PDB file of N, CA and C in Angstrom:
ATOM      1  N   MET A   1      27.296 -14.551 -15.907  1.00  0.00           N
ATOM      2  CA  MET A   1      26.394 -13.420 -15.899  1.00  0.00           C
ATOM      3  C   MET A   1      26.538 -12.696 -14.560  1.00  0.00           C
ATOM      4  N   LYS A   2      26.677 -11.387 -14.635  1.00  0.00           N
ATOM      5  CA  LYS A   2      26.787 -10.588 -13.425  1.00  0.00           C
ATOM      6  C   LYS A   2      25.405 -10.307 -12.858  1.00  0.00           C
ATOM      7  N   VAL A   3      25.294 -10.416 -11.567  1.00  0.00           N
ATOM      8  CA  VAL A   3      24.052 -10.076 -10.889  1.00  0.00           C
ATOM      9  C   VAL A   3      24.264  -8.733 -10.205  1.00  0.00           C
ATOM     10  N   LYS A   4      23.436  -7.781 -10.569  1.00  0.00           N
ATOM     11  CA  LYS A   4      23.560  -6.456  -9.971  1.00  0.00           C
ATOM     12  C   LYS A   4      22.890  -6.465  -8.605  1.00  0.00           C
ATOM     13  N   GLN A   5      23.663  -6.167  -7.590  1.00  0.00           N
ATOM     14  CA  GLN A   5      23.119  -6.130  -6.240  1.00  0.00           C
ATOM     15  C   GLN A   5      22.778  -4.697  -5.888  1.00  0.00           C
ATOM     16  N   ARG A   6      21.650  -4.551  -5.274  1.00  0.00           N
ATOM     17  CA  ARG A   6      21.201  -3.238  -4.848  1.00  0.00           C
ATOM     18  C   ARG A   6      21.684  -2.993  -3.433  1.00  0.00           C
ATOM     19  N   THR A   7      22.365  -1.902  -3.248  1.00  0.00           N
ATOM     20  CA  THR A   7      22.825  -1.572  -1.906  1.00  0.00           C
ATOM     21  C   THR A   7      21.995  -0.419  -1.375  1.00  0.00           C
ATOM     22  N   THR A   8      21.708  -0.492  -0.122  1.00  0.00           N
ATOM     23  CA  THR A   8      20.924   0.539   0.532  1.00  0.00           C
ATOM     24  C   THR A   8      21.821   1.292   1.487  1.00  0.00           C
ATOM     25  N   SER A   9      21.767   2.602   1.385  1.00  0.00           N
ATOM     26  CA  SER A   9      22.532   3.384   2.349  1.00  0.00           C
ATOM     27  C   SER A   9      21.616   3.709   3.526  1.00  0.00           C
ATOM     28  N   TYR A  10      22.195   3.736   4.671  1.00  0.00           N
ATOM     29  CA  TYR A  10      21.433   3.991   5.888  1.00  0.00           C
ATOM     30  C   TYR A  10      21.887   5.300   6.504  1.00  0.00           C
ATOM     31  N   GLU A  11      20.979   5.934   7.203  1.00  0.00           N
ATOM     32  CA  GLU A  11      21.294   7.146   7.943  1.00  0.00           C
ATOM     33  C   GLU A  11      20.841   6.960   9.380  1.00  0.00           C
ATOM     34  N   ARG A  12      21.589   7.522  10.273  1.00  0.00           N
ATOM     35  CA  ARG A  12      21.231   7.455  11.688  1.00  0.00           C
ATOM     36  C   ARG A  12      20.259   8.592  11.989  1.00  0.00           C
ATOM     37  N   VAL A  13      19.161   8.254  12.651  1.00  0.00           N
ATOM     38  CA  VAL A  13      18.170   9.256  13.051  1.00  0.00           C
ATOM     39  C   VAL A  13      17.822   9.044  14.514  1.00  0.00           C
ATOM     40  N   ASN A  14      17.355  10.074  15.120  1.00  0.00           N
ATOM     41  CA  ASN A  14      16.857   9.974  16.490  1.00  0.00           C
ATOM     42  C   ASN A  14      15.342  10.060  16.444  1.00  0.00           C
ATOM     43  N   ILE A  15      14.685   9.112  17.079  1.00  0.00           N
ATOM     44  CA  ILE A  15      13.225   9.132  17.150  1.00  0.00           C
ATOM     45  C   ILE A  15      12.809   9.011  18.606  1.00  0.00           C
ATOM     46  N   THR A  16      11.612   9.447  18.885  1.00  0.00           N
ATOM     47  CA  THR A  16      11.066   9.346  20.231  1.00  0.00           C
ATOM     48  C   THR A  16       9.881   8.392  20.185  1.00  0.00           C
ATOM     49  N   LEU A  17       9.922   7.378  21.025  1.00  0.00           N
ATOM     50  CA  LEU A  17       8.853   6.386  21.099  1.00  0.00           C
ATOM     51  C   LEU A  17       8.354   6.286  22.527  1.00  0.00           C
ATOM     52  N   PRO A  18       7.093   5.913  22.688  1.00  0.00           N
ATOM     53  CA  PRO A  18       6.608   5.647  24.042  1.00  0.00           C
ATOM     54  C   PRO A  18       7.397   4.490  24.662  1.00  0.00           C
ATOM     55  N   HIS A  19       7.548   4.524  25.959  1.00  0.00           N
ATOM     56  CA  HIS A  19       8.309   3.499  26.671  1.00  0.00           C
ATOM     57  C   HIS A  19       7.754   2.099  26.386  1.00  0.00           C
ATOM     58  N   GLU A  20       6.434   1.977  26.352  1.00  0.00           N
ATOM     59  CA  GLU A  20       5.808   0.671  26.102  1.00  0.00           C
ATOM     60  C   GLU A  20       6.171   0.144  24.708  1.00  0.00           C
ATOM     61  N   THR A  21       6.251   1.037  23.738  1.00  0.00           N
ATOM     62  CA  THR A  21       6.624   0.628  22.383  1.00  0.00           C
ATOM     63  C   THR A  21       8.063   0.133  22.349  1.00  0.00           C
ATOM     64  N   LEU A  22       8.925   0.820  23.040  1.00  0.00           N
ATOM     65  CA  LEU A  22      10.322   0.404  23.110  1.00  0.00           C
ATOM     66  C   LEU A  22      10.456  -0.959  23.786  1.00  0.00           C
ATOM     67  N   LEU A  23       9.697  -1.186  24.846  1.00  0.00           N
ATOM     68  CA  LEU A  23       9.715  -2.497  25.506  1.00  0.00           C
ATOM     69  C   LEU A  23       9.242  -3.590  24.549  1.00  0.00           C
ATOM     70  N   LEU A  24       8.218  -3.284  23.779  1.00  0.00           N
ATOM     71  CA  LEU A  24       7.709  -4.244  22.799  1.00  0.00           C
ATOM     72  C   LEU A  24       8.768  -4.546  21.739  1.00  0.00           C
ATOM     73  N   LEU A  25       9.429  -3.511  21.235  1.00  0.00           N
ATOM     74  CA  LEU A  25      10.507  -3.720  20.261  1.00  0.00           C
ATOM     75  C   LEU A  25      11.598  -4.616  20.830  1.00  0.00           C
ATOM     76  N   ASP A  26      11.998  -4.338  22.053  1.00  0.00           N
ATOM     77  CA  ASP A  26      13.054  -5.135  22.682  1.00  0.00           C
ATOM     78  C   ASP A  26      12.622  -6.578  22.902  1.00  0.00           C
ATOM     79  N   ARG A  27      11.331  -6.773  23.147  1.00  0.00           N
ATOM     80  CA  ARG A  27      10.834  -8.124  23.407  1.00  0.00           C
ATOM     81  C   ARG A  27      10.806  -8.973  22.135  1.00  0.00           C
ATOM     82  N   ILE A  28      10.554  -8.345  20.990  1.00  0.00           N
ATOM     83  CA  ILE A  28      10.386  -9.148  19.773  1.00  0.00           C
ATOM     84  C   ILE A  28      11.580  -9.097  18.827  1.00  0.00           C
ATOM     85  N   THR A  29      12.602  -8.324  19.149  1.00  0.00           N
ATOM     86  CA  THR A  29      13.781  -8.281  18.283  1.00  0.00           C
ATOM     87  C   THR A  29      15.025  -8.674  19.055  1.00  0.00           C
ATOM     88  N   GLU A  30      15.999  -9.126  18.304  1.00  0.00           N
ATOM     89  CA  GLU A  30      17.293  -9.409  18.911  1.00  0.00           C
ATOM     90  C   GLU A  30      18.087  -8.113  18.965  1.00  0.00           C
ATOM     91  N   LYS A  31      19.093  -8.111  19.780  1.00  0.00           N
ATOM     92  CA  LYS A  31      19.939  -6.928  19.916  1.00  0.00           C
ATOM     93  C   LYS A  31      20.501  -6.536  18.548  1.00  0.00           C
ATOM     94  N   GLY A  32      20.391  -5.271  18.220  1.00  0.00           N
ATOM     95  CA  GLY A  32      20.894  -4.772  16.948  1.00  0.00           C
ATOM     96  C   GLY A  32      19.931  -4.911  15.782  1.00  0.00           C
ATOM     97  N   GLU A  33      18.736  -5.423  16.015  1.00  0.00           N
ATOM     98  CA  GLU A  33      17.777  -5.647  14.930  1.00  0.00           C
ATOM     99  C   GLU A  33      16.597  -4.677  14.943  1.00  0.00           C
ATOM    100  N   ARG A  34      16.592  -3.718  15.846  1.00  0.00           N
ATOM    101  CA  ARG A  34      15.481  -2.757  15.907  1.00  0.00           C
ATOM    102  C   ARG A  34      15.292  -2.036  14.574  1.00  0.00           C
ATOM    103  N   SER A  35      16.387  -1.543  14.018  1.00  0.00           N
ATOM    104  CA  SER A  35      16.300  -0.770  12.771  1.00  0.00           C
ATOM    105  C   SER A  35      15.666  -1.592  11.656  1.00  0.00           C
ATOM    106  N   HIS A  36      16.051  -2.849  11.563  1.00  0.00           N
ATOM    107  CA  HIS A  36      15.500  -3.724  10.527  1.00  0.00           C
ATOM    108  C   HIS A  36      13.993  -3.904  10.722  1.00  0.00           C
ATOM    109  N   LEU A  37      13.576  -4.130  11.955  1.00  0.00           N
ATOM    110  CA  LEU A  37      12.152  -4.306  12.226  1.00  0.00           C
ATOM    111  C   LEU A  37      11.379  -3.029  11.913  1.00  0.00           C
ATOM    112  N   ILE A  38      11.895  -1.891  12.327  1.00  0.00           N
ATOM    113  CA  ILE A  38      11.218  -0.622  12.057  1.00  0.00           C
ATOM    114  C   ILE A  38      11.140  -0.376  10.552  1.00  0.00           C
ATOM    115  N   GLU A  39      12.210  -0.684   9.832  1.00  0.00           N
ATOM    116  CA  GLU A  39      12.211  -0.529   8.371  1.00  0.00           C
ATOM    117  C   GLU A  39      11.109  -1.375   7.737  1.00  0.00           C
ATOM    118  N   LYS A  40      11.027  -2.645   8.126  1.00  0.00           N
ATOM    119  CA  LYS A  40      10.005  -3.536   7.567  1.00  0.00           C
ATOM    120  C   LYS A  40       8.601  -3.083   7.950  1.00  0.00           C
ATOM    121  N   ALA A  41       8.428  -2.611   9.171  1.00  0.00           N
ATOM    122  CA  ALA A  41       7.116  -2.146   9.623  1.00  0.00           C
ATOM    123  C   ALA A  41       6.669  -0.919   8.830  1.00  0.00           C
ATOM    124  N   VAL A  42       7.579  -0.002   8.584  1.00  0.00           N
ATOM    125  CA  VAL A  42       7.243   1.196   7.811  1.00  0.00           C
ATOM    126  C   VAL A  42       6.895   0.814   6.376  1.00  0.00           C
ATOM    127  N   GLN A  43       7.668  -0.079   5.774  1.00  0.00           N
ATOM    128  CA  GLN A  43       7.374  -0.523   4.406  1.00  0.00           C
ATOM    129  C   GLN A  43       5.998  -1.185   4.334  1.00  0.00           C
ATOM    130  N   HIS A  44       5.696  -2.027   5.307  1.00  0.00           N
ATOM    131  CA  HIS A  44       4.400  -2.702   5.341  1.00  0.00           C
ATOM    132  C   HIS A  44       3.267  -1.691   5.497  1.00  0.00           C
ATOM    133  N   TYR A  45       3.446  -0.745   6.388  1.00  0.00           N
ATOM    134  CA  TYR A  45       2.421   0.272   6.634  1.00  0.00           C
ATOM    135  C   TYR A  45       2.165   1.100   5.374  1.00  0.00           C
ATOM    136  N   VAL A  46       3.221   1.554   4.730  1.00  0.00           N
ATOM    137  CA  VAL A  46       3.075   2.367   3.524  1.00  0.00           C
ATOM    138  C   VAL A  46       2.378   1.566   2.428  1.00  0.00           C
ATOM    139  N   SER A  47       2.722   0.304   2.293  1.00  0.00           N
ATOM    140  CA  SER A  47       2.085  -0.554   1.300  1.00  0.00           C
ATOM    141  C   SER A  47       0.598  -0.724   1.599  1.00  0.00           C
ATOM    142  N   ALA A  48       0.267  -0.987   2.856  1.00  0.00           N
ATOM    143  CA  ALA A  48      -1.131  -1.189   3.247  1.00  0.00           C
ATOM    144  C   ALA A  48      -1.946   0.081   3.051  1.00  0.00           C
ATOM    145  N   VAL A  49      -1.399   1.211   3.445  1.00  0.00           N
ATOM    146  CA  VAL A  49      -2.105   2.482   3.281  1.00  0.00           C
ATOM    147  C   VAL A  49      -2.273   2.792   1.797  1.00  0.00           C
ATOM    148  N   GLY A  50      -1.246   2.515   1.009  1.00  0.00           N
ATOM    149  CA  GLY A  50      -1.330   2.744  -0.430  1.00  0.00           C
ATOM    150  C   GLY A  50      -2.409   1.903  -1.077  1.00  0.00           C
ATOM    151  N   GLN A  51      -2.506   0.635  -0.697  1.00  0.00           N
ATOM    152  CA  GLN A  51      -3.534  -0.244  -1.251  1.00  0.00           C
ATOM    153  C   GLN A  51      -4.920   0.221  -0.833  1.00  0.00           C
ATOM    154  N   SER A  52      -5.062   0.616   0.415  1.00  0.00           N
ATOM    155  CA  SER A  52      -6.344   1.103   0.906  1.00  0.00           C
ATOM    156  C   SER A  52      -6.749   2.372   0.165  1.00  0.00           C
ATOM    157  N   HIS A  53      -5.799   3.274  -0.021  1.00  0.00           N
ATOM    158  CA  HIS A  53      -6.067   4.523  -0.737  1.00  0.00           C
ATOM    159  C   HIS A  53      -6.468   4.236  -2.181  1.00  0.00           C
ATOM    160  N   LEU A  54      -5.794   3.284  -2.815  1.00  0.00           N
ATOM    161  CA  LEU A  54      -6.119   2.920  -4.189  1.00  0.00           C
ATOM    162  C   LEU A  54      -7.538   2.372  -4.281  1.00  0.00           C
ATOM    163  N   ARG A  55      -7.922   1.504  -3.335  1.00  0.00           N
ATOM    164  CA  ARG A  55      -9.284   0.957  -3.334  1.00  0.00           C
ATOM    165  C   ARG A  55     -10.319   2.073  -3.235  1.00  0.00           C
ATOM    166  N   VAL A  56     -10.073   3.030  -2.352  1.00  0.00           N
ATOM    167  CA  VAL A  56     -11.000   4.153  -2.172  1.00  0.00           C
ATOM    168  C   VAL A  56     -11.108   4.946  -3.469  1.00  0.00           C
ATOM    169  N   LYS A  57      -9.976   5.241  -4.095  1.00  0.00           N
ATOM    170  CA  LYS A  57      -9.983   6.019  -5.336  1.00  0.00           C
ATOM    171  C   LYS A  57     -10.679   5.259  -6.470  1.00  0.00           C
ATOM    172  N   LEU A  58     -10.457   3.945  -6.564  1.00  0.00           N
ATOM    173  CA  LEU A  58     -11.127   3.149  -7.591  1.00  0.00           C
ATOM    174  C   LEU A  58     -12.636   3.155  -7.388  1.00  0.00           C
ATOM    175  N   LYS A  59     -13.070   3.014  -6.144  1.00  0.00           N
ATOM    176  CA  LYS A  59     -14.501   3.026  -5.846  1.00  0.00           C
ATOM    177  C   LYS A  59     -15.103   4.385  -6.168  1.00  0.00           C
ATOM    178  N   GLU A  60     -14.424   5.457  -5.765  1.00  0.00           N
ATOM    179  CA  GLU A  60     -14.917   6.804  -6.055  1.00  0.00           C
ATOM    180  C   GLU A  60     -15.044   7.014  -7.562  1.00  0.00           C
ATOM    181  N   GLY A  61     -14.052   6.567  -8.304  1.00  0.00           N
ATOM    182  CA  GLY A  61     -14.083   6.727  -9.752  1.00  0.00           C
ATOM    183  C   GLY A  61     -15.207   5.929 -10.393  1.00  0.00           C
ATOM    184  N   ALA A  62     -15.399   4.711  -9.922  1.00  0.00           N
ATOM    185  CA  ALA A  62     -16.470   3.870 -10.465  1.00  0.00           C
ATOM    186  C   ALA A  62     -17.836   4.488 -10.187  1.00  0.00           C
ATOM    187  N   LEU A  63     -18.026   4.994  -8.987  1.00  0.00           N
ATOM    188  CA  LEU A  63     -19.303   5.624  -8.645  1.00  0.00           C
ATOM    189  C   LEU A  63     -19.518   6.905  -9.450  1.00  0.00           C
ATOM    190  N   ALA A  64     -18.460   7.662  -9.653  1.00  0.00           N
ATOM    191  CA  ALA A  64     -18.575   8.912 -10.402  1.00  0.00           C
ATOM    192  C   ALA A  64     -18.925   8.655 -11.870  1.00  0.00           C
ATOM    193  N   ARG A  65     -18.462   7.527 -12.424  1.00  0.00           N
ATOM    194  CA  ARG A  65     -18.706   7.219 -13.834  1.00  0.00           C
ATOM    195  C   ARG A  65     -19.867   6.248 -14.048  1.00  0.00           C
ATOM    196  N   ALA A  66     -20.552   5.859 -13.003  1.00  0.00           N
ATOM    197  CA  ALA A  66     -21.592   4.828 -13.109  1.00  0.00           C
ATOM    198  C   ALA A  66     -22.711   5.236 -14.059  1.00  0.00           C
ATOM    199  N   LYS A  67     -23.201   6.460 -13.947  1.00  0.00           N
ATOM    200  CA  LYS A  67     -24.307   6.908 -14.798  1.00  0.00           C
ATOM    201  C   LYS A  67     -23.886   6.895 -16.267  1.00  0.00           C
ATOM    202  N   ARG A  68     -22.709   7.437 -16.539  1.00  0.00           N
ATOM    203  CA  ARG A  68     -22.201   7.469 -17.911  1.00  0.00           C
ATOM    204  C   ARG A  68     -22.042   6.059 -18.465  1.00  0.00           C
ATOM    205  N   ASP A  69     -21.476   5.164 -17.669  1.00  0.00           N
ATOM    206  CA  ASP A  69     -21.249   3.788 -18.111  1.00  0.00           C
ATOM    207  C   ASP A  69     -22.565   3.071 -18.392  1.00  0.00           C
ATOM    208  N   LEU A  70     -23.567   3.314 -17.560  1.00  0.00           N
ATOM    209  CA  LEU A  70     -24.880   2.703 -17.770  1.00  0.00           C
ATOM    210  C   LEU A  70     -25.496   3.208 -19.071  1.00  0.00           C
ATOM    211  N   GLU A  71     -25.377   4.507 -19.328  1.00  0.00           N
ATOM    212  CA  GLU A  71     -25.916   5.070 -20.570  1.00  0.00           C
ATOM    213  C   GLU A  71     -25.221   4.473 -21.791  1.00  0.00           C
ATOM    214  N   ILE A  72     -23.920   4.288 -21.720  1.00  0.00           N
ATOM    215  CA  ILE A  72     -23.183   3.678 -22.835  1.00  0.00           C
ATOM    216  C   ILE A  72     -23.653   2.245 -23.050  1.00  0.00           C
ATOM    217  N   ALA A  73     -23.789   1.489 -21.974  1.00  0.00           N
ATOM    218  CA  ALA A  73     -24.230   0.094 -22.084  1.00  0.00           C
ATOM    219  C   ALA A  73     -25.638   0.012 -22.656  1.00  0.00           C
ATOM    220  N   GLN A  74     -26.518   0.904 -22.216  1.00  0.00           N
ATOM    221  CA  GLN A  74     -27.893   0.881 -22.720  1.00  0.00           C
ATOM    222  C   GLN A  74     -27.938   1.200 -24.213  1.00  0.00           C
ATOM    223  N   GLY A  75     -26.998   1.978 -24.677  1.00  0.00           N
ATOM    224  CA  GLY A  75     -26.927   2.295 -26.099  1.00  0.00           C
ATOM    225  C   GLY A  75     -26.604   1.082 -26.958  1.00  0.00           C
ATOM    226  N   TRP A  76     -26.034   0.059 -26.360  1.00  0.00           N
ATOM    227  CA  TRP A  76     -25.664  -1.149 -27.098  1.00  0.00           C
ATOM    228  C   TRP A  76     -26.677  -2.281 -26.927  1.00  0.00           C
ATOM    229  N   PHE A  77     -27.604  -2.156 -25.993  1.00  0.00           N
ATOM    230  CA  PHE A  77     -28.554  -3.240 -25.732  1.00  0.00           C
ATOM    231  C   PHE A  77     -29.392  -3.585 -26.964  1.00  0.00           C
ATOM    232  N   HIS A  78     -29.772  -2.596 -27.758  1.00  0.00           N
ATOM    233  CA  HIS A  78     -30.611  -2.872 -28.926  1.00  0.00           C
ATOM    234  C   HIS A  78     -29.908  -3.784 -29.934  1.00  0.00           C
ATOM    235  N   LEU A  79     -28.594  -3.782 -29.939  1.00  0.00           N
ATOM    236  CA  LEU A  79     -27.854  -4.655 -30.857  1.00  0.00           C
ATOM    237  C   LEU A  79     -28.038  -6.124 -30.512  1.00  0.00           C
ATOM    238  N   GLU A  80     -28.206  -6.426 -29.231  1.00  0.00           N
ATOM    239  CA  GLU A  80     -28.427  -7.818 -28.828  1.00  0.00           C
ATOM    240  C   GLU A  80     -29.737  -8.337 -29.397  1.00  0.00           C
ATOM    241  N   ASP A  81     -30.734  -7.471 -29.500  1.00  0.00           N
ATOM    242  CA  ASP A  81     -32.031  -7.883 -30.037  1.00  0.00           C
ATOM    243  C   ASP A  81     -31.947  -8.183 -31.534  1.00  0.00           C
ATOM    244  N   GLU A  82     -31.001  -7.558 -32.220  1.00  0.00           N
ATOM    245  CA  GLU A  82     -30.863  -7.761 -33.656  1.00  0.00           C
ATOM    246  C   GLU A  82     -30.150  -9.061 -33.994  1.00  0.00           C
ATOM    247  N   ILE A  83     -29.467  -9.646 -33.028  1.00  0.00           N
ATOM    248  CA  ILE A  83     -28.706 -10.872 -33.285  1.00  0.00           C
ATOM    249  C   ILE A  83     -29.595 -12.078 -33.210  1.00  0.00           C
TER     250      ILE A  83
END
């Protein structure tokens, strides 16, 4: 069975970072690994922000529909008394 491997193409970019950030990168990465660390950090950040945004949207939606949902539930309460 063939396993399809996903290849990622990379592009060289120039970024500007504060000196302290660059020192931190150099302290926690090996030579040649900055790009990998930055890639993982960006992926983690986007994932975390996405999850946070989703939670906010779910809460907003639940609050917006709360009155309607309560009215629907109350419409069914009388059926419990009949059982």
